[in-house]
Amino acid sequence: MGNCRFCAKPAGFLRSVHRECQEKHNAGRAEILTLMSAAVKKRGALAGLKAKTAGIAAESWLDANSTRALLVEGYAKAVDDVL
């Protein structure tokens, strides 16, 4: 029996993640992308972005490198949308 790669609790026979943990992880990723994209489009809504993304990342089991990559991806998406 393996442990969940997110919460480190037993995940069950031949499983590496809980469905709920995976969903929470995916939702956090999507929320950070949306948050960054919206902040760039609003010009100036960047205040508090670091704290918000850090909170989301912690709740969604995202490490610093993944969070940074999501912020860059969200920024690029916002620029593409504007152009």
PDB file of N, CA and C in Angstrom:
ATOM      1  N   MET A   1       0.854  -1.173   0.000  1.00  0.00           N
ATOM      2  CA  MET A   1       0.000   0.000   0.000  1.00  0.00           C
ATOM      3  C   MET A   1       0.899   1.235   0.000  1.00  0.00           C
ATOM      4  N   GLY A   2       0.632   2.161  -0.934  1.00  0.00           N
ATOM      5  CA  GLY A   2       1.443   3.367  -1.045  1.00  0.00           C
ATOM      6  C   GLY A   2       0.803   4.560  -0.368  1.00  0.00           C
ATOM      7  N   ASN A   3       1.636   5.543  -0.122  1.00  0.00           N
ATOM      8  CA  ASN A   3       1.154   6.791   0.462  1.00  0.00           C
ATOM      9  C   ASN A   3       0.845   7.792  -0.630  1.00  0.00           C
ATOM     10  N   CYS A   4      -0.105   8.650  -0.370  1.00  0.00           N
ATOM     11  CA  CYS A   4      -0.484   9.721  -1.296  1.00  0.00           C
ATOM     12  C   CYS A   4       0.704  10.671  -1.450  1.00  0.00           C
ATOM     13  N   ARG A   5       1.025  11.008  -2.668  1.00  0.00           N
ATOM     14  CA  ARG A   5       2.173  11.897  -2.893  1.00  0.00           C
ATOM     15  C   ARG A   5       1.880  13.328  -2.454  1.00  0.00           C
ATOM     16  N   PHE A   6       0.641  13.654  -2.207  1.00  0.00           N
ATOM     17  CA  PHE A   6       0.283  14.993  -1.766  1.00  0.00           C
ATOM     18  C   PHE A   6       0.184  15.093  -0.244  1.00  0.00           C
ATOM     19  N   CYS A   7      -0.660  14.279   0.362  1.00  0.00           N
ATOM     20  CA  CYS A   7      -0.895  14.399   1.804  1.00  0.00           C
ATOM     21  C   CYS A   7      -0.070  13.416   2.635  1.00  0.00           C
ATOM     22  N   ALA A   8       0.582  12.479   1.994  1.00  0.00           N
ATOM     23  CA  ALA A   8       1.453  11.480   2.627  1.00  0.00           C
ATOM     24  C   ALA A   8       0.707  10.482   3.515  1.00  0.00           C
ATOM     25  N   LYS A   9      -0.599  10.403   3.399  1.00  0.00           N
ATOM     26  CA  LYS A   9      -1.383   9.406   4.131  1.00  0.00           C
ATOM     27  C   LYS A   9      -1.573   8.192   3.220  1.00  0.00           C
ATOM     28  N   PRO A  10      -1.873   7.035   3.790  1.00  0.00           N
ATOM     29  CA  PRO A  10      -2.065   5.847   2.965  1.00  0.00           C
ATOM     30  C   PRO A  10      -3.118   6.082   1.879  1.00  0.00           C
ATOM     31  N   ALA A  11      -2.750   5.758   0.642  1.00  0.00           N
ATOM     32  CA  ALA A  11      -3.624   6.018  -0.499  1.00  0.00           C
ATOM     33  C   ALA A  11      -4.421   4.791  -0.920  1.00  0.00           C
ATOM     34  N   GLY A  12      -4.034   3.633  -0.457  1.00  0.00           N
ATOM     35  CA  GLY A  12      -4.743   2.427  -0.833  1.00  0.00           C
ATOM     36  C   GLY A  12      -3.877   1.522  -1.686  1.00  0.00           C
ATOM     37  N   PHE A  13      -4.364   0.361  -1.933  1.00  0.00           N
ATOM     38  CA  PHE A  13      -3.636  -0.650  -2.690  1.00  0.00           C
ATOM     39  C   PHE A  13      -3.384  -0.186  -4.126  1.00  0.00           C
ATOM     40  N   LEU A  14      -2.127  -0.198  -4.520  1.00  0.00           N
ATOM     41  CA  LEU A  14      -1.677   0.190  -5.869  1.00  0.00           C
ATOM     42  C   LEU A  14      -2.099   1.607  -6.260  1.00  0.00           C
ATOM     43  N   ARG A  15      -2.181   2.494  -5.290  1.00  0.00           N
ATOM     44  CA  ARG A  15      -2.551   3.886  -5.558  1.00  0.00           C
ATOM     45  C   ARG A  15      -1.451   4.789  -5.029  1.00  0.00           C
ATOM     46  N   SER A  16      -1.255   5.919  -5.708  1.00  0.00           N
ATOM     47  CA  SER A  16      -0.228   6.860  -5.261  1.00  0.00           C
ATOM     48  C   SER A  16      -0.814   8.210  -4.852  1.00  0.00           C
ATOM     49  N   VAL A  17      -2.092   8.410  -5.114  1.00  0.00           N
ATOM     50  CA  VAL A  17      -2.767   9.653  -4.717  1.00  0.00           C
ATOM     51  C   VAL A  17      -4.229   9.363  -4.369  1.00  0.00           C
ATOM     52  N   HIS A  18      -4.790  10.221  -3.527  1.00  0.00           N
ATOM     53  CA  HIS A  18      -6.236  10.203  -3.291  1.00  0.00           C
ATOM     54  C   HIS A  18      -6.887  11.039  -4.390  1.00  0.00           C
ATOM     55  N   ARG A  19      -8.047  10.659  -4.817  1.00  0.00           N
ATOM     56  CA  ARG A  19      -8.771  11.418  -5.837  1.00  0.00           C
ATOM     57  C   ARG A  19      -9.011  12.853  -5.357  1.00  0.00           C
ATOM     58  N   GLU A  20      -9.376  13.003  -4.085  1.00  0.00           N
ATOM     59  CA  GLU A  20      -9.657  14.326  -3.531  1.00  0.00           C
ATOM     60  C   GLU A  20      -8.401  15.203  -3.522  1.00  0.00           C
ATOM     61  N   CYS A  21      -7.269  14.599  -3.190  1.00  0.00           N
ATOM     62  CA  CYS A  21      -6.006  15.353  -3.170  1.00  0.00           C
ATOM     63  C   CYS A  21      -5.619  15.793  -4.580  1.00  0.00           C
ATOM     64  N   GLN A  22      -5.797  14.911  -5.559  1.00  0.00           N
ATOM     65  CA  GLN A  22      -5.483  15.253  -6.946  1.00  0.00           C
ATOM     66  C   GLN A  22      -6.385  16.379  -7.429  1.00  0.00           C
ATOM     67  N   GLU A  23      -7.668  16.308  -7.082  1.00  0.00           N
ATOM     68  CA  GLU A  23      -8.612  17.356  -7.482  1.00  0.00           C
ATOM     69  C   GLU A  23      -8.247  18.694  -6.846  1.00  0.00           C
ATOM     70  N   LYS A  24      -7.862  18.668  -5.573  1.00  0.00           N
ATOM     71  CA  LYS A  24      -7.466  19.892  -4.879  1.00  0.00           C
ATOM     72  C   LYS A  24      -6.201  20.475  -5.498  1.00  0.00           C
ATOM     73  N   HIS A  25      -5.270  19.623  -5.864  1.00  0.00           N
ATOM     74  CA  HIS A  25      -4.023  20.040  -6.521  1.00  0.00           C
ATOM     75  C   HIS A  25      -4.338  20.700  -7.872  1.00  0.00           C
ATOM     76  N   ASN A  26      -5.168  20.044  -8.665  1.00  0.00           N
ATOM     77  CA  ASN A  26      -5.533  20.584  -9.984  1.00  0.00           C
ATOM     78  C   ASN A  26      -6.296  21.902  -9.861  1.00  0.00           C
ATOM     79  N   ALA A  27      -7.179  21.982  -8.878  1.00  0.00           N
ATOM     80  CA  ALA A  27      -7.942  23.218  -8.664  1.00  0.00           C
ATOM     81  C   ALA A  27      -7.010  24.362  -8.260  1.00  0.00           C
ATOM     82  N   GLY A  28      -6.024  24.081  -7.443  1.00  0.00           N
ATOM     83  CA  GLY A  28      -5.048  25.102  -7.046  1.00  0.00           C
ATOM     84  C   GLY A  28      -4.248  25.600  -8.234  1.00  0.00           C
ATOM     85  N   ARG A  29      -3.836  24.684  -9.083  1.00  0.00           N
ATOM     86  CA  ARG A  29      -3.097  25.066 -10.297  1.00  0.00           C
ATOM     87  C   ARG A  29      -3.953  25.999 -11.160  1.00  0.00           C
ATOM     88  N   ALA A  30      -5.200  25.623 -11.371  1.00  0.00           N
ATOM     89  CA  ALA A  30      -6.102  26.433 -12.194  1.00  0.00           C
ATOM     90  C   ALA A  30      -6.355  27.794 -11.555  1.00  0.00           C
ATOM     91  N   GLU A  31      -6.488  27.824 -10.240  1.00  0.00           N
ATOM     92  CA  GLU A  31      -6.756  29.085  -9.543  1.00  0.00           C
ATOM     93  C   GLU A  31      -5.576  30.051  -9.661  1.00  0.00           C
ATOM     94  N   ILE A  32      -4.359  29.534  -9.554  1.00  0.00           N
ATOM     95  CA  ILE A  32      -3.177  30.390  -9.688  1.00  0.00           C
ATOM     96  C   ILE A  32      -3.077  30.929 -11.110  1.00  0.00           C
ATOM     97  N   LEU A  33      -3.338  30.103 -12.113  1.00  0.00           N
ATOM     98  CA  LEU A  33      -3.313  30.578 -13.503  1.00  0.00           C
ATOM     99  C   LEU A  33      -4.330  31.698 -13.713  1.00  0.00           C
ATOM    100  N   THR A  34      -5.532  31.483 -13.220  1.00  0.00           N
ATOM    101  CA  THR A  34      -6.594  32.475 -13.365  1.00  0.00           C
ATOM    102  C   THR A  34      -6.267  33.760 -12.617  1.00  0.00           C
ATOM    103  N   LEU A  35      -5.746  33.619 -11.416  1.00  0.00           N
ATOM    104  CA  LEU A  35      -5.402  34.772 -10.588  1.00  0.00           C
ATOM    105  C   LEU A  35      -4.336  35.635 -11.263  1.00  0.00           C
ATOM    106  N   MET A  36      -3.304  35.004 -11.790  1.00  0.00           N
ATOM    107  CA  MET A  36      -2.229  35.751 -12.446  1.00  0.00           C
ATOM    108  C   MET A  36      -2.729  36.414 -13.718  1.00  0.00           C
ATOM    109  N   SER A  37      -3.482  35.689 -14.499  1.00  0.00           N
ATOM    110  CA  SER A  37      -4.021  36.243 -15.739  1.00  0.00           C
ATOM    111  C   SER A  37      -4.904  37.455 -15.456  1.00  0.00           C
ATOM    112  N   ALA A  38      -5.767  37.350 -14.461  1.00  0.00           N
ATOM    113  CA  ALA A  38      -6.653  38.462 -14.097  1.00  0.00           C
ATOM    114  C   ALA A  38      -5.856  39.650 -13.568  1.00  0.00           C
ATOM    115  N   ALA A  39      -4.815  39.386 -12.796  1.00  0.00           N
ATOM    116  CA  ALA A  39      -4.000  40.471 -12.234  1.00  0.00           C
ATOM    117  C   ALA A  39      -3.293  41.247 -13.338  1.00  0.00           C
ATOM    118  N   VAL A  40      -2.801  40.564 -14.336  1.00  0.00           N
ATOM    119  CA  VAL A  40      -2.106  41.233 -15.441  1.00  0.00           C
ATOM    120  C   VAL A  40      -3.093  42.047 -16.269  1.00  0.00           C
ATOM    121  N   LYS A  41      -4.254  41.496 -16.528  1.00  0.00           N
ATOM    122  CA  LYS A  41      -5.249  42.194 -17.339  1.00  0.00           C
ATOM    123  C   LYS A  41      -5.764  43.454 -16.648  1.00  0.00           C
ATOM    124  N   LYS A  42      -5.829  43.439 -15.317  1.00  0.00           N
ATOM    125  CA  LYS A  42      -6.351  44.587 -14.572  1.00  0.00           C
ATOM    126  C   LYS A  42      -5.299  45.660 -14.333  1.00  0.00           C
ATOM    127  N   ARG A  43      -4.054  45.391 -14.646  1.00  0.00           N
ATOM    128  CA  ARG A  43      -2.965  46.355 -14.474  1.00  0.00           C
ATOM    129  C   ARG A  43      -3.003  47.012 -13.098  1.00  0.00           C
ATOM    130  N   GLY A  44      -2.231  46.521 -12.237  1.00  0.00           N
ATOM    131  CA  GLY A  44      -2.166  47.109 -10.907  1.00  0.00           C
ATOM    132  C   GLY A  44      -2.796  46.231  -9.848  1.00  0.00           C
ATOM    133  N   ALA A  45      -3.406  45.146 -10.272  1.00  0.00           N
ATOM    134  CA  ALA A  45      -4.018  44.231  -9.312  1.00  0.00           C
ATOM    135  C   ALA A  45      -3.002  43.224  -8.793  1.00  0.00           C
ATOM    136  N   LEU A  46      -1.733  43.569  -8.907  1.00  0.00           N
ATOM    137  CA  LEU A  46      -0.677  42.662  -8.479  1.00  0.00           C
ATOM    138  C   LEU A  46      -0.430  42.723  -6.972  1.00  0.00           C
ATOM    139  N   ALA A  47      -0.983  43.732  -6.324  1.00  0.00           N
ATOM    140  CA  ALA A  47      -0.817  43.859  -4.871  1.00  0.00           C
ATOM    141  C   ALA A  47      -1.463  42.659  -4.191  1.00  0.00           C
ATOM    142  N   GLY A  48      -0.702  42.015  -3.350  1.00  0.00           N
ATOM    143  CA  GLY A  48      -1.214  40.862  -2.628  1.00  0.00           C
ATOM    144  C   GLY A  48      -1.165  39.560  -3.395  1.00  0.00           C
ATOM    145  N   LEU A  49      -0.699  39.604  -4.628  1.00  0.00           N
ATOM    146  CA  LEU A  49      -0.657  38.399  -5.456  1.00  0.00           C
ATOM    147  C   LEU A  49       0.264  37.347  -4.851  1.00  0.00           C
ATOM    148  N   LYS A  50       1.399  37.776  -4.332  1.00  0.00           N
ATOM    149  CA  LYS A  50       2.362  36.836  -3.767  1.00  0.00           C
ATOM    150  C   LYS A  50       1.764  36.087  -2.576  1.00  0.00           C
ATOM    151  N   ALA A  51       1.097  36.803  -1.705  1.00  0.00           N
ATOM    152  CA  ALA A  51       0.490  36.168  -0.529  1.00  0.00           C
ATOM    153  C   ALA A  51      -0.641  35.223  -0.934  1.00  0.00           C
ATOM    154  N   LYS A  52      -1.460  35.645  -1.881  1.00  0.00           N
ATOM    155  CA  LYS A  52      -2.565  34.801  -2.339  1.00  0.00           C
ATOM    156  C   LYS A  52      -2.056  33.517  -2.971  1.00  0.00           C
ATOM    157  N   THR A  53      -1.067  33.656  -3.854  1.00  0.00           N
ATOM    158  CA  THR A  53      -0.545  32.464  -4.522  1.00  0.00           C
ATOM    159  C   THR A  53       0.179  31.544  -3.540  1.00  0.00           C
ATOM    160  N   ALA A  54       0.847  32.117  -2.559  1.00  0.00           N
ATOM    161  CA  ALA A  54       1.522  31.289  -1.556  1.00  0.00           C
ATOM    162  C   ALA A  54       0.503  30.479  -0.755  1.00  0.00           C
ATOM    163  N   GLY A  55      -0.606  31.095  -0.412  1.00  0.00           N
ATOM    164  CA  GLY A  55      -1.658  30.388   0.314  1.00  0.00           C
ATOM    165  C   GLY A  55      -2.276  29.268  -0.504  1.00  0.00           C
ATOM    166  N   ILE A  56      -2.573  29.565  -1.753  1.00  0.00           N
ATOM    167  CA  ILE A  56      -3.141  28.555  -2.648  1.00  0.00           C
ATOM    168  C   ILE A  56      -2.154  27.412  -2.845  1.00  0.00           C
ATOM    169  N   ALA A  57      -0.887  27.761  -3.052  1.00  0.00           N
ATOM    170  CA  ALA A  57       0.145  26.748  -3.269  1.00  0.00           C
ATOM    171  C   ALA A  57       0.268  25.819  -2.065  1.00  0.00           C
ATOM    172  N   ALA A  58       0.242  26.376  -0.888  1.00  0.00           N
ATOM    173  CA  ALA A  58       0.358  25.566   0.326  1.00  0.00           C
ATOM    174  C   ALA A  58      -0.831  24.619   0.478  1.00  0.00           C
ATOM    175  N   GLU A  59      -2.021  25.107   0.193  1.00  0.00           N
ATOM    176  CA  GLU A  59      -3.228  24.289   0.313  1.00  0.00           C
ATOM    177  C   GLU A  59      -3.328  23.235  -0.783  1.00  0.00           C
ATOM    178  N   SER A  60      -2.642  23.455  -1.897  1.00  0.00           N
ATOM    179  CA  SER A  60      -2.749  22.565  -3.063  1.00  0.00           C
ATOM    180  C   SER A  60      -1.502  21.730  -3.289  1.00  0.00           C
ATOM    181  N   TRP A  61      -0.596  21.760  -2.334  1.00  0.00           N
ATOM    182  CA  TRP A  61       0.641  20.978  -2.417  1.00  0.00           C
ATOM    183  C   TRP A  61       1.473  21.311  -3.649  1.00  0.00           C
ATOM    184  N   LEU A  62       1.642  22.598  -3.910  1.00  0.00           N
ATOM    185  CA  LEU A  62       2.473  23.064  -5.023  1.00  0.00           C
ATOM    186  C   LEU A  62       3.784  23.589  -4.470  1.00  0.00           C
ATOM    187  N   ASP A  63       4.896  23.141  -5.029  1.00  0.00           N
ATOM    188  CA  ASP A  63       6.195  23.641  -4.571  1.00  0.00           C
ATOM    189  C   ASP A  63       6.501  24.980  -5.237  1.00  0.00           C
ATOM    190  N   ALA A  64       7.576  25.606  -4.815  1.00  0.00           N
ATOM    191  CA  ALA A  64       7.926  26.947  -5.305  1.00  0.00           C
ATOM    192  C   ALA A  64       8.178  26.958  -6.808  1.00  0.00           C
ATOM    193  N   ASN A  65       8.842  25.945  -7.326  1.00  0.00           N
ATOM    194  CA  ASN A  65       9.128  25.904  -8.763  1.00  0.00           C
ATOM    195  C   ASN A  65       7.857  25.753  -9.593  1.00  0.00           C
ATOM    196  N   SER A  66       6.942  24.911  -9.138  1.00  0.00           N
ATOM    197  CA  SER A  66       5.674  24.738  -9.844  1.00  0.00           C
ATOM    198  C   SER A  66       4.848  26.017  -9.800  1.00  0.00           C
ATOM    199  N   THR A  67       4.841  26.667  -8.651  1.00  0.00           N
ATOM    200  CA  THR A  67       4.094  27.913  -8.511  1.00  0.00           C
ATOM    201  C   THR A  67       4.657  28.983  -9.443  1.00  0.00           C
ATOM    202  N   ARG A  68       5.958  29.092  -9.474  1.00  0.00           N
ATOM    203  CA  ARG A  68       6.612  30.076 -10.348  1.00  0.00           C
ATOM    204  C   ARG A  68       6.274  29.792 -11.817  1.00  0.00           C
ATOM    205  N   ALA A  69       6.316  28.523 -12.212  1.00  0.00           N
ATOM    206  CA  ALA A  69       5.982  28.150 -13.591  1.00  0.00           C
ATOM    207  C   ALA A  69       4.535  28.495 -13.919  1.00  0.00           C
ATOM    208  N   LEU A  70       3.628  28.299 -12.966  1.00  0.00           N
ATOM    209  CA  LEU A  70       2.227  28.648 -13.188  1.00  0.00           C
ATOM    210  C   LEU A  70       2.040  30.153 -13.327  1.00  0.00           C
ATOM    211  N   LEU A  71       2.781  30.930 -12.546  1.00  0.00           N
ATOM    212  CA  LEU A  71       2.701  32.388 -12.647  1.00  0.00           C
ATOM    213  C   LEU A  71       3.177  32.862 -14.014  1.00  0.00           C
ATOM    214  N   VAL A  72       4.253  32.279 -14.499  1.00  0.00           N
ATOM    215  CA  VAL A  72       4.763  32.631 -15.829  1.00  0.00           C
ATOM    216  C   VAL A  72       3.750  32.234 -16.903  1.00  0.00           C
ATOM    217  N   GLU A  73       3.181  31.052 -16.761  1.00  0.00           N
ATOM    218  CA  GLU A  73       2.185  30.590 -17.723  1.00  0.00           C
ATOM    219  C   GLU A  73       0.947  31.492 -17.719  1.00  0.00           C
ATOM    220  N   GLY A  74       0.501  31.891 -16.534  1.00  0.00           N
ATOM    221  CA  GLY A  74      -0.643  32.795 -16.423  1.00  0.00           C
ATOM    222  C   GLY A  74      -0.353  34.153 -17.032  1.00  0.00           C
ATOM    223  N   TYR A  75       0.862  34.636 -16.822  1.00  0.00           N
ATOM    224  CA  TYR A  75       1.279  35.920 -17.407  1.00  0.00           C
ATOM    225  C   TYR A  75       1.265  35.829 -18.934  1.00  0.00           C
ATOM    226  N   ALA A  76       1.835  34.758 -19.458  1.00  0.00           N
ATOM    227  CA  ALA A  76       1.887  34.573 -20.907  1.00  0.00           C
ATOM    228  C   ALA A  76       0.488  34.465 -21.494  1.00  0.00           C
ATOM    229  N   LYS A  77      -0.406  33.767 -20.802  1.00  0.00           N
ATOM    230  CA  LYS A  77      -1.783  33.647 -21.274  1.00  0.00           C
ATOM    231  C   LYS A  77      -2.462  35.013 -21.314  1.00  0.00           C
ATOM    232  N   ALA A  78      -2.244  35.822 -20.292  1.00  0.00           N
ATOM    233  CA  ALA A  78      -2.849  37.150 -20.252  1.00  0.00           C
ATOM    234  C   ALA A  78      -2.339  38.015 -21.393  1.00  0.00           C
ATOM    235  N   VAL A  79      -1.042  37.951 -21.674  1.00  0.00           N
ATOM    236  CA  VAL A  79      -0.462  38.729 -22.770  1.00  0.00           C
ATOM    237  C   VAL A  79      -1.050  38.270 -24.093  1.00  0.00           C
ATOM    238  N   ASP A  80      -1.162  36.956 -24.286  1.00  0.00           N
ATOM    239  CA  ASP A  80      -1.753  36.427 -25.523  1.00  0.00           C
ATOM    240  C   ASP A  80      -3.193  36.883 -25.683  1.00  0.00           C
ATOM    241  N   ASP A  81      -3.942  36.902 -24.585  1.00  0.00           N
ATOM    242  CA  ASP A  81      -5.339  37.326 -24.639  1.00  0.00           C
ATOM    243  C   ASP A  81      -5.475  38.796 -25.017  1.00  0.00           C
ATOM    244  N   VAL A  82      -4.561  39.618 -24.502  1.00  0.00           N
ATOM    245  CA  VAL A  82      -4.607  41.044 -24.777  1.00  0.00           C
ATOM    246  C   VAL A  82      -4.227  41.343 -26.227  1.00  0.00           C
ATOM    247  N   LEU A  83      -3.266  40.591 -26.721  1.00  0.00           N
ATOM    248  CA  LEU A  83      -2.826  40.798 -28.111  1.00  0.00           C
ATOM    249  C   LEU A  83      -3.798  40.128 -29.017  1.00  0.00           C
TER     250      LEU A  83
END
